[in-house]
PDB file of all heavy atoms in Angstrom:
ATOM      1  N   THR A   1       0.778  -1.219  -0.020  1.00  0.00           N
ATOM      2  CA  THR A   1      -0.034   0.005   0.011  1.00  0.00           C
ATOM      3  C   THR A   1       0.821   1.268   0.024  1.00  0.00           C
ATOM      4  O   THR A   1       0.325   2.335  -0.298  1.00  0.00           O
ATOM      5  CB  THR A   1      -0.915   0.056   1.228  1.00  0.00           C
ATOM      6  OG1 THR A   1      -0.124   0.178   2.397  1.00  0.00           O
ATOM      7  CG2 THR A   1      -1.730  -1.220   1.348  1.00  0.00           C
ATOM      8  N   GLY A   2       2.089   1.150   0.443  1.00  0.00           N
ATOM      9  CA  GLY A   2       2.921   2.398   0.517  1.00  0.00           C
ATOM     10  C   GLY A   2       2.694   3.128   1.840  1.00  0.00           C
ATOM     11  O   GLY A   2       3.384   4.136   2.093  1.00  0.00           O
ATOM     12  N   GLU A   3       1.777   2.681   2.673  1.00  0.00           N
ATOM     13  CA  GLU A   3       1.494   3.311   3.955  1.00  0.00           C
ATOM     14  C   GLU A   3       2.390   2.689   5.013  1.00  0.00           C
ATOM     15  O   GLU A   3       2.402   1.481   5.179  1.00  0.00           O
ATOM     16  CB  GLU A   3       0.055   3.118   4.340  1.00  0.00           C
ATOM     17  CG  GLU A   3      -0.913   3.823   3.346  1.00  0.00           C
ATOM     18  CD  GLU A   3      -0.806   5.341   3.401  1.00  0.00           C
ATOM     19  OE1 GLU A   3      -0.485   5.857   4.478  1.00  0.00           O
ATOM     20  OE2 GLU A   3      -1.015   5.960   2.401  1.00  0.00           O
ATOM     21  N   SER A   4       3.126   3.539   5.747  1.00  0.00           N
ATOM     22  CA  SER A   4       4.062   3.061   6.775  1.00  0.00           C
ATOM     23  C   SER A   4       3.414   2.584   8.033  1.00  0.00           C
ATOM     24  O   SER A   4       3.974   1.722   8.733  1.00  0.00           O
ATOM     25  CB  SER A   4       5.074   4.136   7.121  1.00  0.00           C
ATOM     26  OG  SER A   4       4.414   5.307   7.600  1.00  0.00           O
ATOM     27  N   ALA A   5       2.239   3.076   8.333  1.00  0.00           N
ATOM     28  CA  ALA A   5       1.513   2.705   9.600  1.00  0.00           C
ATOM     29  C   ALA A   5       1.067   1.280   9.487  1.00  0.00           C
ATOM     30  O   ALA A   5       0.387   0.910   8.524  1.00  0.00           O
ATOM     31  CB  ALA A   5       0.387   3.623   9.855  1.00  0.00           C
ATOM     32  N   PRO A   6       1.411   0.398  10.515  1.00  0.00           N
ATOM     33  CA  PRO A   6       0.901  -1.006  10.531  1.00  0.00           C
ATOM     34  C   PRO A   6      -0.578  -1.034  10.710  1.00  0.00           C
ATOM     35  O   PRO A   6      -1.181  -0.095  11.208  1.00  0.00           O
ATOM     36  CB  PRO A   6       1.688  -1.632  11.622  1.00  0.00           C
ATOM     37  CG  PRO A   6       2.012  -0.484  12.588  1.00  0.00           C
ATOM     38  CD  PRO A   6       2.207   0.703  11.673  1.00  0.00           C
ATOM     39  N   VAL A   7      -1.171  -2.150  10.352  1.00  0.00           N
ATOM     40  CA  VAL A   7      -2.608  -2.403  10.519  1.00  0.00           C
ATOM     41  C   VAL A   7      -2.811  -3.635  11.341  1.00  0.00           C
ATOM     42  O   VAL A   7      -1.940  -4.503  11.396  1.00  0.00           O
ATOM     43  CB  VAL A   7      -3.368  -2.489   9.168  1.00  0.00           C
ATOM     44  CG1 VAL A   7      -3.215  -1.199   8.393  1.00  0.00           C
ATOM     45  CG2 VAL A   7      -2.769  -3.637   8.364  1.00  0.00           C
ATOM     46  N   ILE A   8      -3.983  -3.746  11.970  1.00  0.00           N
ATOM     47  CA  ILE A   8      -4.297  -4.955  12.797  1.00  0.00           C
ATOM     48  C   ILE A   8      -5.073  -5.958  11.958  1.00  0.00           C
ATOM     49  O   ILE A   8      -6.031  -5.603  11.284  1.00  0.00           O
ATOM     50  CB  ILE A   8      -5.082  -4.546  14.042  1.00  0.00           C
ATOM     51  CG1 ILE A   8      -4.300  -3.483  14.865  1.00  0.00           C
ATOM     52  CG2 ILE A   8      -5.444  -5.758  14.853  1.00  0.00           C
ATOM     53  CD1 ILE A   8      -2.979  -4.033  15.409  1.00  0.00           C
ATOM     54  N   ARG A   9      -4.610  -7.201  12.004  1.00  0.00           N
ATOM     55  CA  ARG A   9      -5.346  -8.251  11.307  1.00  0.00           C
ATOM     56  C   ARG A   9      -5.582  -9.326  12.312  1.00  0.00           C
ATOM     57  O   ARG A   9      -4.722  -9.722  13.172  1.00  0.00           O
ATOM     58  CB  ARG A   9      -4.475  -8.800  10.173  1.00  0.00           C
ATOM     59  CG  ARG A   9      -4.341  -7.833   9.023  1.00  0.00           C
ATOM     60  CD  ARG A   9      -5.581  -7.710   8.253  1.00  0.00           C
ATOM     61  NE  ARG A   9      -5.503  -6.815   7.101  1.00  0.00           N
ATOM     62  CZ  ARG A   9      -5.853  -5.522   7.149  1.00  0.00           C
ATOM     63  NH1 ARG A   9      -6.376  -5.019   8.256  1.00  0.00           N
ATOM     64  NH2 ARG A   9      -5.741  -4.732   6.084  1.00  0.00           N
ATOM     65  N   GLY A  10      -6.818  -9.876  12.304  1.00  0.00           N
ATOM     66  CA  GLY A  10      -7.161 -10.916  13.257  1.00  0.00           C
ATOM     67  C   GLY A  10      -8.245 -11.791  12.752  1.00  0.00           C
ATOM     68  O   GLY A  10      -8.929 -11.495  11.742  1.00  0.00           O
ATOM     69  N   ALA A  11      -8.552 -12.862  13.460  1.00  0.00           N
ATOM     70  CA  ALA A  11      -9.557 -13.821  13.070  1.00  0.00           C
ATOM     71  C   ALA A  11     -10.931 -13.222  13.187  1.00  0.00           C
ATOM     72  O   ALA A  11     -11.273 -12.490  14.132  1.00  0.00           O
ATOM     73  CB  ALA A  11      -9.455 -15.108  13.896  1.00  0.00           C
ATOM     74  N   GLY A  12     -11.814 -13.538  12.221  1.00  0.00           N
ATOM     75  CA  GLY A  12     -13.216 -13.037  12.226  1.00  0.00           C
ATOM     76  C   GLY A  12     -13.318 -11.634  11.882  1.00  0.00           C
ATOM     77  O   GLY A  12     -12.330 -10.875  11.751  1.00  0.00           O
ATOM     78  N   GLY A  13     -14.542 -11.161  11.576  1.00  0.00           N
ATOM     79  CA  GLY A  13     -14.757  -9.772  11.218  1.00  0.00           C
ATOM     80  C   GLY A  13     -14.323  -9.427   9.811  1.00  0.00           C
ATOM     81  O   GLY A  13     -14.058 -10.279   9.001  1.00  0.00           O
ATOM     82  N   ASP A  14     -14.263  -8.097   9.562  1.00  0.00           N
ATOM     83  CA  ASP A  14     -13.887  -7.610   8.238  1.00  0.00           C
ATOM     84  C   ASP A  14     -12.461  -7.278   8.035  1.00  0.00           C
ATOM     85  O   ASP A  14     -12.061  -6.717   7.046  1.00  0.00           O
ATOM     86  CB  ASP A  14     -14.757  -6.357   7.961  1.00  0.00           C
ATOM     87  CG  ASP A  14     -16.248  -6.666   7.789  1.00  0.00           C
ATOM     88  OD1 ASP A  14     -16.537  -7.843   7.574  1.00  0.00           O
ATOM     89  OD2 ASP A  14     -17.053  -5.742   7.828  1.00  0.00           O
ATOM     90  N   PHE A  15     -11.613  -7.662   9.057  1.00  0.00           N
ATOM     91  CA  PHE A  15     -10.209  -7.346   8.947  1.00  0.00           C
ATOM     92  C   PHE A  15      -9.344  -8.607   9.111  1.00  0.00           C
ATOM     93  O   PHE A  15      -8.371  -8.594   9.859  1.00  0.00           O
ATOM     94  CB  PHE A  15      -9.816  -6.254   9.919  1.00  0.00           C
ATOM     95  CG  PHE A  15     -10.523  -4.953   9.696  1.00  0.00           C
ATOM     96  CD1 PHE A  15     -11.688  -4.669  10.364  1.00  0.00           C
ATOM     97  CD2 PHE A  15     -10.074  -4.080   8.731  1.00  0.00           C
ATOM     98  CE1 PHE A  15     -12.353  -3.458  10.140  1.00  0.00           C
ATOM     99  CE2 PHE A  15     -10.754  -2.901   8.519  1.00  0.00           C
ATOM    100  CZ  PHE A  15     -11.899  -2.566   9.202  1.00  0.00           C
ATOM    101  N   SER A  16      -9.815  -9.688   8.522  1.00  0.00           N
ATOM    102  CA  SER A  16      -9.078 -10.954   8.670  1.00  0.00           C
ATOM    103  C   SER A  16      -8.268 -11.318   7.462  1.00  0.00           C
ATOM    104  O   SER A  16      -7.629 -12.288   7.382  1.00  0.00           O
ATOM    105  CB  SER A  16     -10.105 -12.064   8.898  1.00  0.00           C
ATOM    106  OG  SER A  16     -11.045 -12.150   7.845  1.00  0.00           O
ATOM    107  N   SER A  17      -8.335 -10.457   6.377  1.00  0.00           N
ATOM    108  CA  SER A  17      -7.654 -10.795   5.146  1.00  0.00           C
ATOM    109  C   SER A  17      -6.203 -10.352   5.237  1.00  0.00           C
ATOM    110  O   SER A  17      -5.904  -9.217   5.654  1.00  0.00           O
ATOM    111  CB  SER A  17      -8.366 -10.051   3.985  1.00  0.00           C
ATOM    112  OG  SER A  17      -7.631 -10.146   2.770  1.00  0.00           O
ATOM    113  N   VAL A  18      -5.282 -11.186   4.785  1.00  0.00           N
ATOM    114  CA  VAL A  18      -3.843 -10.886   4.698  1.00  0.00           C
ATOM    115  C   VAL A  18      -3.350 -11.112   3.291  1.00  0.00           C
ATOM    116  O   VAL A  18      -3.894 -11.926   2.548  1.00  0.00           O
ATOM    117  CB  VAL A  18      -3.047 -11.665   5.736  1.00  0.00           C
ATOM    118  CG1 VAL A  18      -3.365 -11.284   7.177  1.00  0.00           C
ATOM    119  CG2 VAL A  18      -3.268 -13.196   5.557  1.00  0.00           C
ATOM    120  N   THR A  19      -2.313 -10.403   2.932  1.00  0.00           N
ATOM    121  CA  THR A  19      -1.779 -10.443   1.541  1.00  0.00           C
ATOM    122  C   THR A  19      -0.327 -10.931   1.547  1.00  0.00           C
ATOM    123  O   THR A  19       0.454 -10.574   2.412  1.00  0.00           O
ATOM    124  CB  THR A  19      -1.874  -9.019   0.969  1.00  0.00           C
ATOM    125  OG1 THR A  19      -3.180  -8.500   1.076  1.00  0.00           O
ATOM    126  CG2 THR A  19      -1.399  -9.029  -0.496  1.00  0.00           C
ATOM    127  N   ALA A  20      -0.048 -11.729   0.530  1.00  0.00           N
ATOM    128  CA  ALA A  20       1.301 -12.263   0.389  1.00  0.00           C
ATOM    129  C   ALA A  20       2.333 -11.127   0.252  1.00  0.00           C
ATOM    130  O   ALA A  20       2.082 -10.147  -0.409  1.00  0.00           O
ATOM    131  CB  ALA A  20       1.364 -13.178  -0.871  1.00  0.00           C
ATOM    132  N   GLY A  21       3.490 -11.309   0.926  1.00  0.00           N
ATOM    133  CA  GLY A  21       4.531 -10.321   0.829  1.00  0.00           C
ATOM    134  C   GLY A  21       4.502  -9.249   1.899  1.00  0.00           C
ATOM    135  O   GLY A  21       5.435  -8.503   2.041  1.00  0.00           O
ATOM    136  N   THR A  22       3.448  -9.206   2.711  1.00  0.00           N
ATOM    137  CA  THR A  22       3.356  -8.278   3.826  1.00  0.00           C
ATOM    138  C   THR A  22       4.034  -8.938   5.049  1.00  0.00           C
ATOM    139  O   THR A  22       4.191 -10.173   5.113  1.00  0.00           O
ATOM    140  CB  THR A  22       1.936  -7.840   4.149  1.00  0.00           C
ATOM    141  OG1 THR A  22       1.154  -9.062   4.441  1.00  0.00           O
ATOM    142  CG2 THR A  22       1.293  -7.149   2.963  1.00  0.00           C
ATOM    143  N   LYS A  23       4.386  -8.139   6.035  1.00  0.00           N
ATOM    144  CA  LYS A  23       5.193  -8.628   7.158  1.00  0.00           C
ATOM    145  C   LYS A  23       4.442  -8.550   8.458  1.00  0.00           C
ATOM    146  O   LYS A  23       3.882  -7.516   8.799  1.00  0.00           O
ATOM    147  CB  LYS A  23       6.503  -7.798   7.262  1.00  0.00           C
ATOM    148  CG  LYS A  23       7.488  -8.330   8.259  1.00  0.00           C
ATOM    149  CD  LYS A  23       8.754  -7.500   8.268  1.00  0.00           C
ATOM    150  CE  LYS A  23       9.797  -8.059   9.181  1.00  0.00           C
ATOM    151  NZ  LYS A  23      11.029  -7.294   9.167  1.00  0.00           N
ATOM    152  N   LEU A  24       4.414  -9.675   9.210  1.00  0.00           N
ATOM    153  CA  LEU A  24       3.794  -9.685  10.538  1.00  0.00           C
ATOM    154  C   LEU A  24       4.811  -9.105  11.555  1.00  0.00           C
ATOM    155  O   LEU A  24       5.912  -9.604  11.663  1.00  0.00           O
ATOM    156  CB  LEU A  24       3.442 -11.118  10.903  1.00  0.00           C
ATOM    157  CG  LEU A  24       2.745 -11.338  12.263  1.00  0.00           C
ATOM    158  CD1 LEU A  24       1.407 -10.613  12.266  1.00  0.00           C
ATOM    159  CD2 LEU A  24       2.585 -12.794  12.569  1.00  0.00           C
ATOM    160  N   LEU A  25       4.364  -8.082  12.245  1.00  0.00           N
ATOM    161  CA  LEU A  25       5.275  -7.420  13.157  1.00  0.00           C
ATOM    162  C   LEU A  25       5.133  -7.907  14.581  1.00  0.00           C
ATOM    163  O   LEU A  25       6.096  -7.763  15.404  1.00  0.00           O
ATOM    164  CB  LEU A  25       4.885  -5.864  13.151  1.00  0.00           C
ATOM    165  CG  LEU A  25       5.072  -5.176  11.827  1.00  0.00           C
ATOM    166  CD1 LEU A  25       4.706  -3.698  11.955  1.00  0.00           C
ATOM    167  CD2 LEU A  25       6.529  -5.315  11.305  1.00  0.00           C
ATOM    168  N   SER A  26       3.974  -8.490  14.963  1.00  0.00           N
ATOM    169  CA  SER A  26       3.793  -8.946  16.325  1.00  0.00           C
ATOM    170  C   SER A  26       2.950 -10.176  16.407  1.00  0.00           C
ATOM    171  O   SER A  26       2.214 -10.451  15.445  1.00  0.00           O
ATOM    172  CB  SER A  26       3.169  -7.841  17.192  1.00  0.00           C
ATOM    173  OG  SER A  26       1.820  -7.630  16.737  1.00  0.00           O
ATOM    174  N   ASP A  27       3.118 -10.935  17.465  1.00  0.00           N
ATOM    175  CA  ASP A  27       2.259 -12.069  17.771  1.00  0.00           C
ATOM    176  C   ASP A  27       2.367 -13.220  16.733  1.00  0.00           C
ATOM    177  O   ASP A  27       3.396 -13.291  16.021  1.00  0.00           O
ATOM    178  CB  ASP A  27       0.801 -11.638  17.894  1.00  0.00           C
ATOM    179  CG  ASP A  27       0.642 -10.573  18.957  1.00  0.00           C
ATOM    180  OD1 ASP A  27       0.734 -10.896  20.143  1.00  0.00           O
ATOM    181  OD2 ASP A  27       0.427  -9.357  18.599  1.00  0.00           O
ATOM    182  N   GLU A  28       1.360 -13.998  16.584  1.00  0.00           N
ATOM    183  CA  GLU A  28       1.336 -15.139  15.691  1.00  0.00           C
ATOM    184  C   GLU A  28      -0.001 -15.322  15.041  1.00  0.00           C
ATOM    185  O   GLU A  28      -1.044 -15.127  15.689  1.00  0.00           O
ATOM    186  CB  GLU A  28       1.743 -16.428  16.449  1.00  0.00           C
ATOM    187  CG  GLU A  28       1.700 -17.693  15.604  1.00  0.00           C
ATOM    188  CD  GLU A  28       2.096 -18.921  16.383  1.00  0.00           C
ATOM    189  OE1 GLU A  28       3.265 -19.061  16.755  1.00  0.00           O
ATOM    190  OE2 GLU A  28       1.165 -19.716  16.719  1.00  0.00           O
ATOM    191  N   LEU A  29       0.000 -15.662  13.806  1.00  0.00           N
ATOM    192  CA  LEU A  29      -1.267 -15.889  13.083  1.00  0.00           C
ATOM    193  C   LEU A  29      -1.322 -17.229  12.447  1.00  0.00           C
ATOM    194  O   LEU A  29      -0.301 -17.718  11.926  1.00  0.00           O
ATOM    195  CB  LEU A  29      -1.442 -14.860  11.931  1.00  0.00           C
ATOM    196  CG  LEU A  29      -1.467 -13.332  12.341  1.00  0.00           C
ATOM    197  CD1 LEU A  29      -1.597 -12.501  11.088  1.00  0.00           C
ATOM    198  CD2 LEU A  29      -2.619 -13.081  13.286  1.00  0.00           C
ATOM    199  N   ILE A  30      -2.475 -17.866  12.461  1.00  0.00           N
ATOM    200  CA  ILE A  30      -2.787 -19.094  11.714  1.00  0.00           C
ATOM    201  C   ILE A  30      -3.631 -18.712  10.543  1.00  0.00           C
ATOM    202  O   ILE A  30      -4.738 -18.171  10.763  1.00  0.00           O
ATOM    203  CB  ILE A  30      -3.444 -20.188  12.580  1.00  0.00           C
ATOM    204  CG1 ILE A  30      -2.622 -20.452  13.854  1.00  0.00           C
ATOM    205  CG2 ILE A  30      -3.644 -21.440  11.777  1.00  0.00           C
ATOM    206  CD1 ILE A  30      -1.226 -20.977  13.590  1.00  0.00           C
ATOM    207  N   VAL A  31      -3.184 -18.959   9.332  1.00  0.00           N
ATOM    208  CA  VAL A  31      -3.782 -18.432   8.140  1.00  0.00           C
ATOM    209  C   VAL A  31      -4.185 -19.556   7.207  1.00  0.00           C
ATOM    210  O   VAL A  31      -3.426 -20.530   6.983  1.00  0.00           O
ATOM    211  CB  VAL A  31      -2.844 -17.471   7.400  1.00  0.00           C
ATOM    212  CG1 VAL A  31      -3.490 -16.939   6.108  1.00  0.00           C
ATOM    213  CG2 VAL A  31      -2.457 -16.292   8.336  1.00  0.00           C
ATOM    214  N   ARG A  32      -5.393 -19.490   6.632  1.00  0.00           N
ATOM    215  CA  ARG A  32      -5.878 -20.406   5.601  1.00  0.00           C
ATOM    216  C   ARG A  32      -5.593 -19.752   4.234  1.00  0.00           C
ATOM    217  O   ARG A  32      -6.057 -18.638   3.941  1.00  0.00           O
ATOM    218  CB  ARG A  32      -7.304 -20.740   5.709  1.00  0.00           C
ATOM    219  CG  ARG A  32      -7.743 -21.744   4.654  1.00  0.00           C
ATOM    220  CD  ARG A  32      -9.239 -22.169   4.755  1.00  0.00           C
ATOM    221  NE  ARG A  32     -10.090 -20.965   4.619  1.00  0.00           N
ATOM    222  CZ  ARG A  32     -11.016 -20.626   5.484  1.00  0.00           C
ATOM    223  NH1 ARG A  32     -11.116 -21.299   6.660  1.00  0.00           N
ATOM    224  NH2 ARG A  32     -11.749 -19.563   5.266  1.00  0.00           N
ATOM    225  N   VAL A  33      -4.830 -20.423   3.380  1.00  0.00           N
ATOM    226  CA  VAL A  33      -4.436 -19.871   2.042  1.00  0.00           C
ATOM    227  C   VAL A  33      -5.718 -19.845   1.166  1.00  0.00           C
ATOM    228  O   VAL A  33      -6.463 -20.827   1.097  1.00  0.00           O
ATOM    229  CB  VAL A  33      -3.375 -20.763   1.418  1.00  0.00           C
ATOM    230  CG1 VAL A  33      -2.990 -20.226   0.000  1.00  0.00           C
ATOM    231  CG2 VAL A  33      -2.093 -20.765   2.283  1.00  0.00           C
ATOM    232  N   THR A  34      -5.898 -18.731   0.488  1.00  0.00           N
ATOM    233  CA  THR A  34      -7.127 -18.530  -0.317  1.00  0.00           C
ATOM    234  C   THR A  34      -6.781 -18.411  -1.828  1.00  0.00           C
ATOM    235  O   THR A  34      -7.637 -18.164  -2.611  1.00  0.00           O
ATOM    236  CB  THR A  34      -7.885 -17.315   0.121  1.00  0.00           C
ATOM    237  OG1 THR A  34      -7.050 -16.167   0.061  1.00  0.00           O
ATOM    238  CG2 THR A  34      -8.420 -17.477   1.532  1.00  0.00           C
ATOM    239  N   ALA A  35      -5.489 -18.566  -2.211  1.00  0.00           N
ATOM    240  CA  ALA A  35      -5.114 -18.429  -3.583  1.00  0.00           C
ATOM    241  C   ALA A  35      -4.008 -19.443  -3.948  1.00  0.00           C
ATOM    242  O   ALA A  35      -3.122 -19.706  -3.172  1.00  0.00           O
ATOM    243  CB  ALA A  35      -4.663 -16.996  -3.924  1.00  0.00           C
ATOM    244  N   ASN A  36      -4.117 -19.975  -5.169  1.00  0.00           N
ATOM    245  CA  ASN A  36      -3.021 -20.840  -5.685  1.00  0.00           C
ATOM    246  C   ASN A  36      -1.857 -19.989  -6.201  1.00  0.00           C
ATOM    247  O   ASN A  36      -1.989 -18.776  -6.396  1.00  0.00           O
ATOM    248  CB  ASN A  36      -3.573 -21.718  -6.838  1.00  0.00           C
ATOM    249  CG  ASN A  36      -4.550 -22.747  -6.362  1.00  0.00           C
ATOM    250  OD1 ASN A  36      -4.306 -23.369  -5.280  1.00  0.00           O
ATOM    251  ND2 ASN A  36      -5.633 -22.969  -7.088  1.00  0.00           N
ATOM    252  N   PRO A  37      -0.686 -20.585  -6.323  1.00  0.00           N
ATOM    253  CA  PRO A  37       0.501 -19.841  -6.870  1.00  0.00           C
ATOM    254  C   PRO A  37       0.142 -19.212  -8.169  1.00  0.00           C
ATOM    255  O   PRO A  37      -0.471 -19.803  -9.090  1.00  0.00           O
ATOM    256  CB  PRO A  37       1.560 -20.931  -7.013  1.00  0.00           C
ATOM    257  CG  PRO A  37       1.199 -21.961  -6.005  1.00  0.00           C
ATOM    258  CD  PRO A  37      -0.343 -21.996  -5.988  1.00  0.00           C
ATOM    259  N   GLY A  38       0.616 -17.992  -8.361  1.00  0.00           N
ATOM    260  CA  GLY A  38       0.346 -17.266  -9.573  1.00  0.00           C
ATOM    261  C   GLY A  38      -1.025 -16.566  -9.627  1.00  0.00           C
ATOM    262  O   GLY A  38      -1.325 -15.818 -10.587  1.00  0.00           O
ATOM    263  N   GLU A  39      -1.846 -16.823  -8.556  1.00  0.00           N
ATOM    264  CA  GLU A  39      -3.176 -16.211  -8.566  1.00  0.00           C
ATOM    265  C   GLU A  39      -3.331 -15.234  -7.357  1.00  0.00           C
ATOM    266  O   GLU A  39      -4.433 -14.815  -7.076  1.00  0.00           O
ATOM    267  CB  GLU A  39      -4.249 -17.349  -8.430  1.00  0.00           C
ATOM    268  CG  GLU A  39      -4.221 -18.347  -9.562  1.00  0.00           C
ATOM    269  CD  GLU A  39      -5.244 -19.436  -9.320  1.00  0.00           C
ATOM    270  OE1 GLU A  39      -5.813 -19.493  -8.254  1.00  0.00           O
ATOM    271  OE2 GLU A  39      -5.397 -20.251 -10.265  1.00  0.00           O
ATOM    272  N   THR A  40      -2.234 -14.918  -6.671  1.00  0.00           N
ATOM    273  CA  THR A  40      -2.339 -14.075  -5.518  1.00  0.00           C
ATOM    274  C   THR A  40      -2.627 -12.654  -5.933  1.00  0.00           C
ATOM    275  O   THR A  40      -2.474 -12.299  -7.105  1.00  0.00           O
ATOM    276  CB  THR A  40      -1.020 -14.121  -4.665  1.00  0.00           C
ATOM    277  OG1 THR A  40       0.000 -13.529  -5.470  1.00  0.00           O
ATOM    278  CG2 THR A  40      -0.659 -15.532  -4.326  1.00  0.00           C
ATOM    279  N   PHE A  41      -3.039 -11.874  -4.989  1.00  0.00           N
ATOM    280  CA  PHE A  41      -3.293 -10.441  -5.280  1.00  0.00           C
ATOM    281  C   PHE A  41      -2.077  -9.757  -5.791  1.00  0.00           C
ATOM    282  O   PHE A  41      -2.153  -8.955  -6.730  1.00  0.00           O
ATOM    283  CB  PHE A  41      -3.756  -9.790  -3.950  1.00  0.00           C
ATOM    284  CG  PHE A  41      -4.110  -8.328  -4.136  1.00  0.00           C
ATOM    285  CD1 PHE A  41      -5.211  -7.966  -4.843  1.00  0.00           C
ATOM    286  CD2 PHE A  41      -3.308  -7.371  -3.586  1.00  0.00           C
ATOM    287  CE1 PHE A  41      -5.541  -6.614  -5.033  1.00  0.00           C
ATOM    288  CE2 PHE A  41      -3.639  -6.012  -3.756  1.00  0.00           C
ATOM    289  CZ  PHE A  41      -4.765  -5.629  -4.477  1.00  0.00           C
ATOM    290  N   LEU A  42      -0.867 -10.133  -5.225  1.00  0.00           N
ATOM    291  CA  LEU A  42       0.339  -9.534  -5.669  1.00  0.00           C
ATOM    292  C   LEU A  42       0.679  -9.902  -7.133  1.00  0.00           C
ATOM    293  O   LEU A  42       1.092  -9.050  -7.940  1.00  0.00           O
ATOM    294  CB  LEU A  42       1.523  -9.939  -4.754  1.00  0.00           C
ATOM    295  CG  LEU A  42       2.847  -9.233  -4.898  1.00  0.00           C
ATOM    296  CD1 LEU A  42       2.628  -7.724  -4.626  1.00  0.00           C
ATOM    297  CD2 LEU A  42       3.836  -9.785  -3.901  1.00  0.00           C
TER     298      LEU A  42
END
């Protein structure tokens, strides 16, 4: 996004989506993959 401010991502709700290539700064996440190789948002 080009935005330096980190965002919160968590299970449930409207902010559970994560994108390949972004960096987790804190804690731990268990993620279900929603795209095959070559089909990611990136």
